[in-house]
């Protein structure tokens, strides 16, 4: 029986979603800390945020989680384009 190779969509592997924890997001994309702080999400350094996902944190601060997720993914995409040009 042959094993199937798992095909990973590179875009999905690099993007984030609103169900990811702050620690998971920052582990994959530490450059987003500045963006999150700029949005008023100072909880990125809070120990309580370890068990909180992006959607929960955004809603606690009156931020639309879908718009925030899209903005963060746009930032990631922009960074990736710049790094490919070099």
N, C-alpha and C. Protein backbone atom coordinates (compact mmCIF):
# COMPACT_ATOMS: atom_id res chain seq x y z
N UNK A 1 0.84 -1.18 0.00
CA UNK A 1 0.00 0.00 0.00
C UNK A 1 0.89 1.25 0.00
N UNK A 2 0.69 2.13 -0.97
CA UNK A 2 1.49 3.34 -1.07
C UNK A 2 0.98 4.41 -0.12
N UNK A 3 1.93 5.13 0.44
CA UNK A 3 1.55 6.26 1.29
C UNK A 3 1.35 7.48 0.42
N UNK A 4 0.33 8.23 0.74
CA UNK A 4 0.08 9.47 0.02
C UNK A 4 0.92 10.58 0.62
N UNK A 5 1.45 11.40 -0.24
CA UNK A 5 2.17 12.57 0.23
C UNK A 5 1.16 13.65 0.54
N UNK A 6 1.34 14.24 1.68
CA UNK A 6 0.45 15.32 2.06
C UNK A 6 0.88 16.60 1.36
N UNK A 7 -0.04 17.19 0.64
CA UNK A 7 0.25 18.44 -0.06
C UNK A 7 -0.21 19.58 0.83
N UNK A 8 0.72 20.44 1.15
CA UNK A 8 0.42 21.57 2.02
C UNK A 8 0.28 22.82 1.18
N UNK A 9 -0.81 23.51 1.38
CA UNK A 9 -1.00 24.78 0.70
C UNK A 9 -0.13 25.80 1.42
N UNK A 10 0.87 26.31 0.74
CA UNK A 10 1.84 27.22 1.36
C UNK A 10 1.15 28.45 1.95
N UNK A 11 0.15 28.97 1.25
CA UNK A 11 -0.55 30.15 1.74
C UNK A 11 -1.21 29.86 3.09
N UNK A 12 -1.89 28.74 3.20
CA UNK A 12 -2.56 28.39 4.45
C UNK A 12 -1.57 28.07 5.56
N UNK A 13 -0.42 27.54 5.21
CA UNK A 13 0.59 27.21 6.21
C UNK A 13 1.15 28.47 6.84
N UNK A 14 1.18 29.57 6.10
CA UNK A 14 1.77 30.80 6.60
C UNK A 14 0.73 31.75 7.17
N UNK A 15 -0.52 31.61 6.76
CA UNK A 15 -1.54 32.54 7.22
C UNK A 15 -2.00 32.19 8.63
N UNK A 16 -2.67 33.14 9.22
CA UNK A 16 -3.21 32.92 10.57
C UNK A 16 -4.73 32.94 10.49
N UNK A 17 -5.36 32.45 11.54
CA UNK A 17 -6.82 32.53 11.61
C UNK A 17 -7.21 32.97 13.02
N UNK A 18 -8.45 33.35 13.17
CA UNK A 18 -8.90 33.94 14.43
C UNK A 18 -9.00 32.92 15.57
N UNK A 19 -8.86 31.65 15.27
CA UNK A 19 -8.90 30.62 16.32
C UNK A 19 -7.52 30.31 16.90
N UNK A 20 -6.49 30.93 16.34
CA UNK A 20 -5.13 30.71 16.84
C UNK A 20 -4.90 31.53 18.11
N UNK A 21 -4.12 30.95 19.02
CA UNK A 21 -3.78 31.68 20.25
C UNK A 21 -2.75 32.75 19.93
N UNK A 22 -2.67 33.75 20.81
CA UNK A 22 -1.68 34.80 20.62
C UNK A 22 -0.27 34.21 20.61
N UNK A 23 -0.02 33.26 21.48
CA UNK A 23 1.32 32.67 21.53
C UNK A 23 1.65 31.93 20.24
N UNK A 24 0.67 31.25 19.66
CA UNK A 24 0.88 30.53 18.40
C UNK A 24 1.16 31.51 17.26
N UNK A 25 0.41 32.61 17.24
CA UNK A 25 0.60 33.62 16.20
C UNK A 25 2.00 34.22 16.30
N UNK A 26 2.39 34.59 17.51
CA UNK A 26 3.69 35.24 17.70
C UNK A 26 4.85 34.28 17.52
N UNK A 27 4.61 33.01 17.76
CA UNK A 27 5.66 32.01 17.53
C UNK A 27 5.95 31.90 16.04
N UNK A 28 4.89 31.91 15.22
CA UNK A 28 5.05 31.80 13.78
C UNK A 28 5.43 33.13 13.13
N UNK A 29 4.92 34.23 13.69
CA UNK A 29 5.11 35.56 13.08
C UNK A 29 5.40 36.60 14.16
N UNK A 30 6.59 36.59 14.73
CA UNK A 30 6.92 37.55 15.79
C UNK A 30 6.80 39.01 15.35
N UNK A 31 6.93 39.24 14.06
CA UNK A 31 6.82 40.60 13.54
C UNK A 31 5.42 41.20 13.71
N UNK A 32 4.42 40.36 14.01
CA UNK A 32 3.06 40.85 14.18
C UNK A 32 2.81 41.46 15.56
N UNK A 33 3.76 41.31 16.47
CA UNK A 33 3.59 41.87 17.82
C UNK A 33 3.36 43.37 17.74
N UNK A 34 4.14 44.04 16.92
CA UNK A 34 4.01 45.50 16.76
C UNK A 34 2.62 45.87 16.22
N UNK A 35 2.15 45.09 15.27
CA UNK A 35 0.84 45.33 14.67
C UNK A 35 -0.28 45.13 15.69
N UNK A 36 -0.17 44.07 16.48
CA UNK A 36 -1.18 43.80 17.51
C UNK A 36 -1.18 44.88 18.58
N UNK A 37 -0.01 45.32 18.98
CA UNK A 37 0.09 46.40 19.96
C UNK A 37 -0.51 47.69 19.39
N UNK A 38 -0.27 47.93 18.12
CA UNK A 38 -0.82 49.11 17.46
C UNK A 38 -2.33 49.10 17.39
N UNK A 39 -2.91 47.92 17.40
CA UNK A 39 -4.37 47.78 17.37
C UNK A 39 -4.97 47.89 18.78
N UNK A 40 -4.11 48.04 19.78
CA UNK A 40 -4.61 48.16 21.15
C UNK A 40 -4.67 46.83 21.89
N UNK A 41 -4.15 45.78 21.27
CA UNK A 41 -4.15 44.47 21.91
C UNK A 41 -2.85 44.30 22.70
N UNK A 42 -2.78 44.98 23.81
CA UNK A 42 -1.59 44.92 24.66
C UNK A 42 -1.53 43.61 25.44
N UNK A 43 -2.53 42.80 25.26
CA UNK A 43 -2.59 41.51 25.95
C UNK A 43 -1.62 40.49 25.36
N UNK A 44 -0.93 40.82 24.28
CA UNK A 44 0.00 39.86 23.68
C UNK A 44 1.08 39.43 24.66
N UNK A 45 1.41 40.27 25.62
CA UNK A 45 2.42 39.92 26.61
C UNK A 45 1.84 39.47 27.94
N UNK A 46 0.53 39.44 28.02
CA UNK A 46 -0.15 39.08 29.27
C UNK A 46 -0.22 37.56 29.43
N UNK A 47 0.09 37.05 30.62
CA UNK A 47 0.01 35.60 30.84
C UNK A 47 -1.39 35.02 30.60
N UNK A 48 -2.41 35.83 30.80
CA UNK A 48 -3.78 35.35 30.58
C UNK A 48 -4.06 35.11 29.10
N UNK A 49 -3.32 35.78 28.24
CA UNK A 49 -3.54 35.66 26.80
C UNK A 49 -3.08 34.31 26.26
N UNK A 50 -2.32 33.57 27.02
CA UNK A 50 -1.82 32.27 26.56
C UNK A 50 -2.98 31.32 26.23
N UNK A 51 -4.08 31.44 26.96
CA UNK A 51 -5.22 30.58 26.72
C UNK A 51 -6.32 31.25 25.93
N UNK A 52 -6.02 32.39 25.35
CA UNK A 52 -7.02 33.16 24.62
C UNK A 52 -6.65 33.18 23.14
N UNK A 53 -7.67 33.05 22.29
CA UNK A 53 -7.37 33.13 20.86
C UNK A 53 -7.57 34.55 20.35
N UNK A 54 -7.20 34.77 19.12
CA UNK A 54 -7.26 36.10 18.52
C UNK A 54 -8.68 36.65 18.52
N UNK A 55 -9.63 35.82 18.22
CA UNK A 55 -11.04 36.26 18.18
C UNK A 55 -11.48 36.75 19.56
N UNK A 56 -11.18 35.99 20.59
CA UNK A 56 -11.58 36.36 21.95
C UNK A 56 -10.93 37.68 22.37
N UNK A 57 -9.63 37.81 22.11
CA UNK A 57 -8.92 39.03 22.47
C UNK A 57 -9.46 40.24 21.73
N UNK A 58 -9.72 40.07 20.44
CA UNK A 58 -10.24 41.17 19.64
C UNK A 58 -11.61 41.61 20.15
N UNK A 59 -12.47 40.66 20.41
CA UNK A 59 -13.82 40.98 20.88
C UNK A 59 -13.80 41.66 22.24
N UNK A 60 -12.87 41.28 23.10
CA UNK A 60 -12.76 41.90 24.42
C UNK A 60 -12.35 43.37 24.30
N UNK A 61 -11.72 43.72 23.18
CA UNK A 61 -11.26 45.09 22.98
C UNK A 61 -12.11 45.83 21.94
N UNK A 62 -13.24 45.25 21.56
CA UNK A 62 -14.14 45.90 20.63
C UNK A 62 -13.63 45.97 19.20
N UNK A 63 -12.81 45.00 18.83
CA UNK A 63 -12.23 44.96 17.48
C UNK A 63 -12.89 43.82 16.71
N UNK A 64 -13.21 44.07 15.45
CA UNK A 64 -13.79 43.04 14.60
C UNK A 64 -12.72 41.99 14.31
N UNK A 65 -12.90 40.75 14.77
CA UNK A 65 -11.86 39.72 14.60
C UNK A 65 -11.60 39.35 13.14
N UNK A 66 -12.63 39.40 12.31
CA UNK A 66 -12.44 39.05 10.90
C UNK A 66 -11.59 40.11 10.18
N UNK A 67 -11.87 41.37 10.47
CA UNK A 67 -11.08 42.45 9.86
C UNK A 67 -9.64 42.42 10.36
N UNK A 68 -9.46 42.15 11.64
CA UNK A 68 -8.12 42.07 12.21
C UNK A 68 -7.33 40.92 11.60
N UNK A 69 -7.97 39.77 11.46
CA UNK A 69 -7.31 38.60 10.87
C UNK A 69 -6.89 38.91 9.43
N UNK A 70 -7.79 39.55 8.68
CA UNK A 70 -7.47 39.91 7.29
C UNK A 70 -6.29 40.88 7.25
N UNK A 71 -6.29 41.85 8.16
CA UNK A 71 -5.20 42.84 8.20
C UNK A 71 -3.86 42.17 8.52
N UNK A 72 -3.86 41.26 9.48
CA UNK A 72 -2.63 40.57 9.85
C UNK A 72 -2.13 39.68 8.72
N UNK A 73 -3.06 39.00 8.04
CA UNK A 73 -2.65 38.15 6.92
C UNK A 73 -2.12 38.98 5.76
N UNK A 74 -2.67 40.17 5.58
CA UNK A 74 -2.17 41.07 4.54
C UNK A 74 -0.74 41.50 4.87
N UNK A 75 -0.48 41.74 6.15
CA UNK A 75 0.87 42.11 6.60
C UNK A 75 1.85 40.97 6.33
N UNK A 76 1.44 39.74 6.62
CA UNK A 76 2.28 38.56 6.38
C UNK A 76 2.57 38.43 4.89
N UNK A 77 1.54 38.57 4.07
CA UNK A 77 1.68 38.44 2.62
C UNK A 77 2.64 39.50 2.08
N UNK A 78 2.51 40.72 2.58
CA UNK A 78 3.38 41.81 2.17
C UNK A 78 4.84 41.52 2.54
N UNK A 79 5.05 40.99 3.74
CA UNK A 79 6.40 40.64 4.20
C UNK A 79 6.99 39.54 3.32
N UNK A 80 6.17 38.56 2.97
CA UNK A 80 6.65 37.45 2.14
C UNK A 80 7.04 37.91 0.74
N UNK A 81 6.28 38.85 0.19
CA UNK A 81 6.60 39.38 -1.14
C UNK A 81 7.93 40.11 -1.11
N UNK A 82 8.15 40.90 -0.05
CA UNK A 82 9.40 41.64 0.08
C UNK A 82 10.59 40.71 0.21
N UNK A 83 10.43 39.64 0.98
CA UNK A 83 11.55 38.71 1.20
C UNK A 83 11.87 37.91 -0.06
N UNK A 84 10.88 37.68 -0.91
CA UNK A 84 11.14 36.95 -2.16
C UNK A 84 11.88 37.80 -3.17
N UNK A 85 11.70 39.11 -3.10
CA UNK A 85 12.37 40.02 -4.03
C UNK A 85 13.87 40.09 -3.77
N UNK A 86 14.28 39.87 -2.54
CA UNK A 86 15.70 40.01 -2.17
C UNK A 86 16.54 38.89 -2.70
